[in-house]
Amino acid sequence: MKTKIILSFMLVLSLFAFSSLAAEPAKFHIGIMTGTVSQSEDDLRGAELMIKMYGDSANGGMITHVTYPDNFTSEQETTISQIVGLADDPLMKVIVVNQAIPGTAEAFRRIRERRSDILLLAGEPHEDPAVISEAADLSTHTDHIGRGYTIPLGAKKMGADTFIHISFPRHMSYETLGLRRAIMEEACKDLGIKFVFETAPDPTGDVGVAGAQQYILENMPSWIEKYGKNAAFFCTNDAHTEPLLKQVAALGGYFVEADLPSPLMGYPGALGIDLSAEQGDWPAILKKVEDAVIKAGGKGRMGTWAYSWGYTTTAALVEYGKRFVESGKHKESYIGTVQALMEMREAYDKFCPGAHWGASYFIDAATGVRNSKFILLRQDTYVLGGDYLGLADVEIPEKYFKIRMTPSAQ
C-alpha cells in the first residue's frame, strides 16, 4: 500500500513539473490568499505547489499568491483590501482564501458588487456558516458532524470498547466542538461502546501548556488502569495531543486521529521524529512517522490522516476553481448540485494518492436546512502499521445531523 502511495505521488509530482513548463500565457488567473509560514505553513505550501503546477501570473502563469497579516485580528481592513485587490486583475476568474479568516466575507461581498464573474472559494472559514455562505460561492470545512460518528466508529474497528473524550469547559462552549462531543456520545451508544468524558486543564489557563501536558502524562497511567487497554483516547486540544500519543504508544490503548489530523500533529514531538528532510513530502513524512510508531510499540493502535488538511485545501480549491472555469459552467445552475459536491471531493482526492475523502453539505441542526454552499469533508483514517479504515465512504446516518449541543455537552 505505501509503495503504491509513493509511486502515485511521484507520478503526480512529475505531472506538476510538466504542467509548469507551459509556454503559452495563462488565459485566466486564480488568486490565492493564505497565512504566512509562521501563521499557517501548510496552507502556504499548498499555494507554492499550485505555483509549481500552473506558474506565477507575474511570469505568464495562472497563480497570484498573497498572504494575510500575522496579526489579522487587528488588521482586518488590510486583509479585506488585499483580497479585494486581487479582483483588480481583469483576468482574475477565481479567488481562494485559506484559511478564510474574519473579514473574508466582507471582502467577498465587495468583490461581488463589481465582479460577479469571479468564483469565490473559502477554505476553513472562521466566520459562521451562514455569514460566509452569503458571500462565498462555496466554502469547505473539516466535517465536525460526520467525524463525530466516524471517529468512534474507527475506534470500534480498531478494537476499542471504550471511548475517552478529553477536553475542558472553554472548548466545550464552542458550537462545533460541543456539538461533535454530543454526536460522539450518541454514536458510542449506537455502536455499543462506553463513552467517558474526562476533563483536563485548559492550556491557556493558569497552568499553561507545560502544566496541561504534564497533567496528561501523569493521568494516562491511571486512565489506562481504570478503563483498560482497549480504550480509545481523543482530545480536542493540540497541546494535549503530544503527551497523549506518547503515553498511548508506551502504555496501550488506541488513538484514532487528532482533532486536526496530520502526521505532523503530535507525533514528531511525542516520538522524537526529525522531519526536516521530508518537508512537504507527505508520503515520506507518513513513512517516517509510521516507522517511529511501530518502533515505539504502537503498531495497529494509532492513526492519522495521511495528508495535511491545510495543504490539501489550498491545492484542492484552486484545482476545483480551475476546472470550473475551463468547463464553462454557470454558477447559478451548478452550485449546490450533487455534481458540485462530487467534483469537490475529486479535487481533494487528486492531491492525496492512496487516501480518500468523504463530502457532504452542511445541515443546520436548529433549522434542518441544508446549506448547499458549505461543504464538510473528512479524509479516510490511516492506521499506522496497518491500513485505511474506509471511513471516508461511510454514510452518516441522518439522525446525527439533527443532534444539537445540550448543556450536558458543556
Protein backbone atom coordinates (compact mmCIF):
# COMPACT_ATOMS: atom_id res chain seq x y z
CA MET A 1 0.00 0.00 0.00
CA LYS A 2 2.72 2.51 0.99
CA THR A 3 4.81 1.71 -2.12
CA LYS A 4 1.72 2.39 -4.22
CA ILE A 5 1.17 5.72 -2.45
CA ILE A 6 4.78 6.82 -3.01
CA LEU A 7 4.79 5.82 -6.69
CA SER A 8 1.47 7.59 -7.23
CA PHE A 9 2.77 10.71 -5.53
CA MET A 10 5.92 10.68 -7.68
CA LEU A 11 3.75 10.45 -10.80
CA VAL A 12 1.65 13.40 -9.61
CA LEU A 13 4.78 15.46 -8.95
CA SER A 14 6.13 14.67 -12.41
CA LEU A 15 2.86 15.81 -13.96
CA PHE A 16 3.03 19.01 -11.91
CA ALA A 17 6.55 19.68 -13.15
CA PHE A 18 5.50 19.11 -16.76
CA SER A 19 2.49 21.41 -16.47
CA SER A 20 4.60 24.23 -15.03
CA LEU A 21 6.58 24.31 -18.29
CA ALA A 22 3.60 25.53 -20.33
CA ALA A 23 4.83 28.10 -22.86
CA GLU A 24 1.61 29.99 -23.60
CA PRO A 25 0.44 32.71 -21.18
CA ALA A 26 -2.47 31.65 -18.99
CA LYS A 27 -5.91 32.56 -20.35
CA PHE A 28 -7.18 33.39 -16.85
CA HIS A 29 -5.80 33.87 -13.35
CA ILE A 30 -6.52 32.35 -9.93
CA GLY A 31 -5.81 34.38 -6.80
CA ILE A 32 -4.83 32.70 -3.54
CA MET A 33 -4.59 34.20 -0.08
CA THR A 34 -3.06 32.15 2.75
CA GLY A 35 -1.34 32.82 6.01
CA THR A 36 2.43 33.14 6.31
CA VAL A 37 4.86 30.35 7.24
CA SER A 38 4.63 31.37 10.89
CA GLN A 39 0.82 31.50 10.93
CA SER A 40 -0.25 28.54 8.76
CA GLU A 41 2.65 26.95 6.91
CA ASP A 42 0.72 24.04 5.40
CA ASP A 43 -1.79 26.39 3.75
CA LEU A 44 1.06 28.38 2.21
CA ARG A 45 2.89 25.27 1.00
CA GLY A 46 -0.26 24.31 -0.87
CA ALA A 47 -0.13 27.67 -2.66
CA GLU A 48 3.52 27.09 -3.56
CA LEU A 49 2.54 23.75 -5.07
CA MET A 50 -0.06 25.49 -7.24
CA ILE A 51 2.57 27.95 -8.50
CA LYS A 52 4.80 25.00 -9.41
CA MET A 53 1.89 23.37 -11.24
CA TYR A 54 0.39 26.34 -13.06
CA GLY A 55 3.00 29.09 -12.92
CA ASP A 56 3.15 32.55 -11.37
CA SER A 57 0.87 35.11 -13.05
CA ALA A 58 3.73 37.62 -12.95
CA ASN A 59 5.58 35.38 -15.40
CA GLY A 60 2.69 34.43 -17.67
CA GLY A 61 1.34 31.71 -15.41
CA MET A 62 -2.03 31.33 -13.71
CA ILE A 63 -1.47 31.87 -9.97
CA THR A 64 -1.32 35.10 -7.96
CA HIS A 65 -0.47 34.46 -4.30
CA VAL A 66 -0.67 36.90 -1.38
CA THR A 67 -0.57 36.39 2.39
CA TYR A 68 -2.66 37.94 5.13
CA PRO A 69 -1.06 39.68 8.15
CA ASP A 70 0.03 37.50 11.08
CA ASN A 71 -1.98 39.73 13.42
CA PHE A 72 -5.03 39.53 11.16
CA THR A 73 -7.49 40.04 14.02
CA SER A 74 -6.30 43.63 14.47
CA GLU A 75 -5.60 44.25 10.77
CA GLN A 76 -8.88 43.14 9.28
CA GLU A 77 -9.14 46.05 6.87
CA THR A 78 -5.71 45.21 5.46
CA THR A 79 -6.88 41.65 4.88
CA ILE A 80 -10.04 42.85 3.17
CA SER A 81 -8.09 45.23 0.93
CA GLN A 82 -5.66 42.51 -0.11
CA ILE A 83 -8.45 40.12 -1.09
CA VAL A 84 -10.41 42.81 -2.93
CA GLY A 85 -7.22 43.89 -4.70
CA LEU A 86 -6.98 40.51 -6.41
CA ALA A 87 -10.16 41.37 -8.30
CA ASP A 88 -8.46 44.37 -9.94
CA ASP A 89 -6.86 41.92 -12.36
CA PRO A 90 -9.20 41.66 -15.39
CA LEU A 91 -8.03 38.07 -15.98
CA MET A 92 -8.92 37.02 -12.42
CA LYS A 93 -11.64 34.33 -12.50
CA VAL A 94 -11.20 32.51 -9.16
CA ILE A 95 -10.19 33.70 -5.69
CA VAL A 96 -9.32 31.18 -2.95
CA VAL A 97 -8.84 32.20 0.69
CA ASN A 98 -7.47 29.54 3.05
CA GLN A 99 -7.90 29.94 5.91
CA ALA A 100 -10.87 32.22 5.41
CA ILE A 101 -10.13 34.43 8.41
CA PRO A 102 -12.52 37.12 9.72
CA GLY A 103 -13.04 39.75 7.03
CA THR A 104 -13.20 37.28 4.17
CA ALA A 105 -16.99 37.52 3.93
CA GLU A 106 -16.86 41.33 3.72
CA ALA A 107 -14.11 41.19 1.09
CA PHE A 108 -16.14 38.73 -0.98
CA ARG A 109 -19.21 40.97 -0.70
CA ARG A 110 -17.24 43.93 -2.07
CA ILE A 111 -15.88 41.83 -4.95
CA ARG A 112 -19.36 40.52 -5.74
CA GLU A 113 -20.64 44.09 -6.19
CA ARG A 114 -18.38 44.67 -9.20
CA ARG A 115 -17.11 41.26 -10.37
CA SER A 116 -19.91 38.70 -10.32
CA ASP A 117 -17.90 36.60 -12.79
CA ILE A 118 -15.28 35.61 -10.20
CA LEU A 119 -15.74 32.28 -8.38
CA LEU A 120 -15.16 32.92 -4.64
CA LEU A 121 -13.97 29.94 -2.57
CA ALA A 122 -13.34 29.86 1.20
CA GLY A 123 -11.32 27.17 2.99
CA GLU A 124 -11.79 26.52 6.74
CA PRO A 125 -13.81 29.71 7.32
CA HIS A 126 -13.56 31.33 10.76
CA GLU A 127 -16.88 33.10 10.27
CA ASP A 128 -20.21 31.33 10.87
CA PRO A 129 -21.53 29.15 8.01
CA ALA A 130 -24.49 31.47 7.45
CA VAL A 131 -22.22 34.54 7.27
CA ILE A 132 -19.61 33.19 4.87
CA SER A 133 -22.23 31.45 2.71
CA GLU A 134 -23.94 34.76 1.94
CA ALA A 135 -20.73 35.97 0.27
CA ALA A 136 -18.74 32.93 -0.91
CA ASP A 137 -19.84 30.68 -3.76
CA LEU A 138 -18.56 27.65 -1.87
CA SER A 139 -16.81 27.01 1.46
CA THR A 140 -15.13 23.84 2.74
CA HIS A 141 -14.61 22.87 6.36
CA THR A 142 -13.49 19.80 8.30
CA ASP A 143 -16.55 17.63 8.95
CA HIS A 144 -17.20 18.11 12.66
CA ILE A 145 -20.59 16.40 12.29
CA GLY A 146 -19.55 13.35 10.30
CA ARG A 147 -16.39 12.85 12.35
CA GLY A 148 -18.50 12.82 15.48
CA TYR A 149 -19.73 9.49 14.16
CA THR A 150 -16.72 8.17 12.21
CA ILE A 151 -14.12 8.64 14.97
CA PRO A 152 -15.99 6.36 17.44
CA LEU A 153 -16.69 4.00 14.52
CA GLY A 154 -12.97 3.96 13.73
CA ALA A 155 -12.21 3.23 17.39
CA LYS A 156 -14.53 0.23 17.31
CA LYS A 157 -12.97 -1.03 14.07
CA MET A 158 -9.54 -0.80 15.67
CA GLY A 159 -10.70 -2.88 18.65
CA ALA A 160 -11.76 -0.36 21.29
CA ASP A 161 -14.63 -0.97 23.71
CA THR A 162 -14.42 2.42 25.48
CA PHE A 163 -14.09 5.95 24.06
CA ILE A 164 -12.43 8.61 26.25
CA HIS A 165 -13.13 12.22 25.22
CA ILE A 166 -10.71 14.68 26.88
CA SER A 167 -11.44 18.41 26.92
CA PHE A 168 -12.25 21.43 29.11
CA PRO A 169 -15.11 23.96 29.53
CA ARG A 170 -13.80 26.60 27.10
CA HIS A 171 -13.65 24.18 24.20
CA MET A 172 -16.97 22.61 25.10
CA SER A 173 -18.60 26.03 24.85
CA TYR A 174 -17.68 26.22 21.13
CA GLU A 175 -20.60 25.18 18.96
CA THR A 176 -18.61 22.93 16.64
CA LEU A 177 -16.66 21.15 19.41
CA GLY A 178 -19.60 20.86 21.79
CA LEU A 179 -21.82 19.54 19.03
CA ARG A 180 -19.22 17.00 17.94
CA ARG A 181 -18.90 15.78 21.53
CA ALA A 182 -22.70 15.31 21.71
CA ILE A 183 -22.65 13.38 18.44
CA MET A 184 -19.76 11.21 19.65
CA GLU A 185 -21.66 10.30 22.80
CA GLU A 186 -24.75 9.30 20.81
CA ALA A 187 -22.62 7.38 18.31
CA CYS A 188 -20.97 5.40 21.11
CA LYS A 189 -24.39 4.37 22.39
CA ASP A 190 -25.39 3.20 18.92
CA LEU A 191 -22.11 1.36 18.36
CA GLY A 192 -22.09 -0.37 21.75
CA ILE A 193 -19.03 1.49 23.06
CA LYS A 194 -18.81 3.08 26.51
CA PHE A 195 -18.43 6.87 26.33
CA VAL A 196 -16.42 8.67 29.03
CA PHE A 197 -15.71 12.38 29.37
CA GLU A 198 -12.51 13.39 31.18
CA THR A 199 -11.60 16.99 31.96
CA ALA A 200 -8.03 18.22 31.57
CA PRO A 201 -6.56 21.69 32.23
CA ASP A 202 -7.00 24.37 29.58
CA PRO A 203 -3.51 25.15 28.17
CA THR A 204 -4.48 28.84 28.01
CA GLY A 205 -5.23 28.83 31.73
CA ASP A 206 -3.02 29.30 34.79
CA VAL A 207 -1.06 26.05 34.34
CA GLY A 208 -0.12 26.91 30.75
CA VAL A 209 0.85 24.45 28.05
CA ALA A 210 3.53 22.74 30.13
CA GLY A 211 1.15 22.14 33.04
CA ALA A 212 -1.63 20.88 30.78
CA GLN A 213 0.74 18.45 29.07
CA GLN A 214 2.13 17.24 32.39
CA TYR A 215 -1.43 16.53 33.55
CA ILE A 216 -2.00 14.21 30.58
CA LEU A 217 1.33 12.45 31.12
CA GLU A 218 0.59 11.86 34.81
CA ASN A 219 -3.04 10.80 34.39
CA MET A 220 -2.72 8.42 31.46
CA PRO A 221 -1.42 5.51 33.58
CA SER A 222 -4.45 5.72 35.89
CA TRP A 223 -6.83 6.11 32.94
CA ILE A 224 -5.37 3.01 31.28
CA GLU A 225 -5.69 1.12 34.55
CA LYS A 226 -9.28 2.35 35.04
CA TYR A 227 -10.62 1.91 31.51
CA GLY A 228 -8.34 -0.82 30.19
CA LYS A 229 -6.02 -1.17 27.21
CA ASN A 230 -8.99 -1.40 24.85
CA ALA A 231 -9.88 2.24 25.49
CA ALA A 232 -9.56 4.79 22.67
CA PHE A 233 -8.47 8.34 23.55
CA PHE A 234 -9.42 11.59 21.84
CA CYS A 235 -8.62 15.17 22.86
CA THR A 236 -9.82 18.50 21.48
CA ASN A 237 -6.59 20.45 22.08
CA ASP A 238 -3.36 20.32 20.09
CA ALA A 239 -1.19 20.73 23.18
CA HIS A 240 -2.78 17.67 24.81
CA THR A 241 -2.19 15.54 21.71
CA GLU A 242 1.57 15.12 22.04
CA PRO A 243 1.66 13.71 25.61
CA LEU A 244 -1.43 11.62 24.86
CA LEU A 245 0.29 9.97 21.88
CA LYS A 246 3.46 9.41 23.89
CA GLN A 247 1.56 7.53 26.59
CA VAL A 248 -0.69 5.55 24.24
CA ALA A 249 2.41 4.25 22.46
CA ALA A 250 4.05 3.32 25.76
CA LEU A 251 1.11 2.08 27.85
CA GLY A 252 -1.57 0.82 25.48
CA GLY A 253 -4.97 1.97 24.29
CA TYR A 254 -5.97 3.38 20.91
CA PHE A 255 -5.75 6.75 19.17
CA VAL A 256 -7.88 7.09 16.02
CA GLU A 257 -6.89 10.58 14.90
CA ALA A 258 -6.24 14.08 16.20
CA ASP A 259 -8.70 16.94 16.37
CA LEU A 260 -6.94 18.42 13.29
CA PRO A 261 -5.41 15.26 11.86
CA SER A 262 -2.00 15.22 10.19
CA PRO A 263 1.17 13.12 10.52
CA LEU A 264 2.68 16.32 11.92
CA MET A 265 0.13 16.67 14.70
CA GLY A 266 1.71 15.46 17.93
CA TYR A 267 3.70 12.55 16.53
CA PRO A 268 7.08 14.27 15.90
CA GLY A 269 7.24 15.67 19.44
CA ALA A 270 5.82 12.57 21.12
CA LEU A 271 8.23 10.18 19.45
CA GLY A 272 11.23 12.44 18.77
CA ILE A 273 10.94 12.41 14.97
CA ASP A 274 13.04 14.82 12.88
CA LEU A 275 11.14 15.57 9.68
CA SER A 276 13.20 18.49 8.38
CA ALA A 277 14.50 16.47 5.41
CA GLU A 278 10.99 15.32 4.44
CA GLN A 279 9.32 18.75 4.50
CA GLY A 280 6.33 18.84 2.12
CA ASP A 281 6.73 15.20 1.04
CA TRP A 282 3.67 13.66 2.68
CA PRO A 283 4.30 10.01 1.76
CA ALA A 284 7.85 10.31 3.15
CA ILE A 285 6.54 12.04 6.29
CA LEU A 286 3.94 9.32 6.81
CA LYS A 287 6.54 6.59 6.32
CA LYS A 288 8.91 8.09 8.88
CA VAL A 289 6.11 8.64 11.42
CA GLU A 290 4.86 5.10 10.83
CA ASP A 291 8.31 3.60 11.38
CA ALA A 292 8.62 5.51 14.66
CA VAL A 293 5.18 4.39 15.85
CA ILE A 294 5.97 0.74 15.09
CA LYS A 295 9.30 1.04 16.89
CA ALA A 296 7.54 2.56 19.91
CA GLY A 297 5.07 -0.33 20.07
CA GLY A 298 2.03 1.47 18.69
CA LYS A 299 1.54 -0.61 15.54
CA GLY A 300 -2.14 -1.00 14.66
CA ARG A 301 -3.24 1.17 17.59
CA MET A 302 -2.56 4.72 16.36
CA GLY A 303 -3.96 6.59 13.37
CA THR A 304 -3.89 9.85 11.44
CA TRP A 305 -4.85 11.50 8.18
CA ALA A 306 -2.08 10.76 5.71
CA TYR A 307 -2.16 14.27 4.21
CA SER A 308 -2.42 17.71 5.79
CA TRP A 309 -5.86 19.34 5.72
CA GLY A 310 -4.48 22.88 5.19
CA TYR A 311 -2.09 21.92 2.40
CA THR A 312 -4.71 19.88 0.56
CA THR A 313 -7.44 22.50 0.96
CA THR A 314 -5.41 25.24 -0.75
CA ALA A 315 -4.49 22.95 -3.63
CA ALA A 316 -7.93 21.37 -3.98
CA LEU A 317 -9.84 24.67 -4.05
CA VAL A 318 -7.53 26.02 -6.73
CA GLU A 319 -7.93 22.85 -8.78
CA TYR A 320 -11.71 22.98 -8.32
CA GLY A 321 -11.83 26.61 -9.45
CA LYS A 322 -9.62 25.91 -12.47
CA ARG A 323 -11.83 23.03 -13.62
CA PHE A 324 -14.96 25.14 -13.10
CA VAL A 325 -13.72 27.97 -15.29
CA GLU A 326 -12.47 25.63 -18.00
CA SER A 327 -15.78 23.74 -18.06
CA GLY A 328 -17.81 26.86 -18.86
CA LYS A 329 -20.35 26.00 -16.15
CA HIS A 330 -22.73 28.65 -14.79
CA LYS A 331 -22.73 29.15 -11.02
CA GLU A 332 -26.49 29.58 -10.79
CA SER A 333 -27.24 26.11 -12.16
CA TYR A 334 -24.20 24.32 -10.74
CA ILE A 335 -23.53 25.38 -7.13
CA GLY A 336 -25.37 23.14 -4.68
CA THR A 337 -25.80 20.18 -7.02
CA VAL A 338 -24.66 16.62 -6.35
CA GLN A 339 -22.18 17.07 -9.19
CA ALA A 340 -20.62 20.09 -7.49
CA LEU A 341 -20.22 18.07 -4.28
CA MET A 342 -18.66 15.09 -6.01
CA GLU A 343 -16.29 17.25 -8.05
CA MET A 344 -15.10 18.97 -4.90
CA ARG A 345 -14.30 15.58 -3.39
CA GLU A 346 -12.47 14.58 -6.57
CA ALA A 347 -10.36 17.74 -6.33
CA TYR A 348 -9.33 16.80 -2.79
CA ASP A 349 -8.65 13.19 -3.83
CA LYS A 350 -6.25 14.36 -6.55
CA PHE A 351 -3.70 15.59 -4.03
CA CYS A 352 -3.92 12.60 -1.68
CA PRO A 353 -2.79 9.50 -3.63
CA GLY A 354 -3.85 6.39 -1.74
CA ALA A 355 -6.18 8.27 0.59
CA HIS A 356 -9.80 9.22 0.02
CA TRP A 357 -12.23 11.94 1.09
CA GLY A 358 -15.88 11.92 2.12
CA ALA A 359 -18.01 15.02 1.49
CA SER A 360 -21.47 16.25 2.42
CA TYR A 361 -23.37 19.53 2.59
CA PHE A 362 -23.74 21.19 5.98
CA ILE A 363 -27.13 20.91 7.65
CA ASP A 364 -28.13 23.44 10.31
CA ALA A 365 -29.25 21.35 13.29
CA ALA A 366 -31.52 24.13 14.56
CA THR A 367 -33.47 24.54 11.34
CA GLY A 368 -32.81 21.30 9.47
CA VAL A 369 -31.96 23.35 6.38
CA ARG A 370 -29.19 22.05 4.12
CA ASN A 371 -26.57 24.69 3.24
CA SER A 372 -25.59 23.85 -0.33
CA LYS A 373 -22.77 26.42 -0.29
CA PHE A 374 -20.93 24.90 2.68
CA ILE A 375 -19.22 21.52 2.19
CA LEU A 376 -17.93 19.34 5.03
CA LEU A 377 -15.02 16.99 4.27
CA ARG A 378 -13.26 14.18 6.06
CA GLN A 379 -10.23 12.18 4.94
CA ASP A 380 -10.05 8.46 5.50
CA THR A 381 -8.14 7.44 8.63
CA TYR A 382 -4.85 5.61 8.16
CA VAL A 383 -3.80 3.20 10.93
CA LEU A 384 -0.03 3.35 11.32
CA GLY A 385 1.36 -0.11 10.80
CA GLY A 386 -1.97 -1.11 9.26
CA ASP A 387 -4.16 0.30 6.51
CA TYR A 388 -7.01 2.72 5.83
CA LEU A 389 -10.21 2.16 7.83
CA GLY A 390 -12.59 3.00 4.99
CA LEU A 391 -14.30 5.80 6.94
CA ALA A 392 -14.45 8.32 4.08
CA ASP A 393 -17.14 6.33 2.29
CA VAL A 394 -19.25 5.67 5.38
CA GLU A 395 -22.74 7.15 5.03
CA ILE A 396 -23.51 9.22 8.12
CA PRO A 397 -26.97 8.35 9.49
CA GLU A 398 -29.38 11.26 9.13
CA LYS A 399 -30.08 11.37 12.88
CA TYR A 400 -26.62 12.78 13.63
CA PHE A 401 -27.27 15.87 11.55
CA LYS A 402 -30.22 16.67 13.80
CA ILE A 403 -28.41 16.45 17.13
CA ARG A 404 -27.98 19.75 18.92
CA MET A 405 -25.46 20.74 21.57
CA THR A 406 -27.05 20.34 25.01
CA PRO A 407 -25.97 21.69 28.42
CA SER A 408 -24.65 18.20 29.26
CA ALA A 409 -22.18 18.53 26.40
CA GLN A 410 -20.58 21.53 28.08
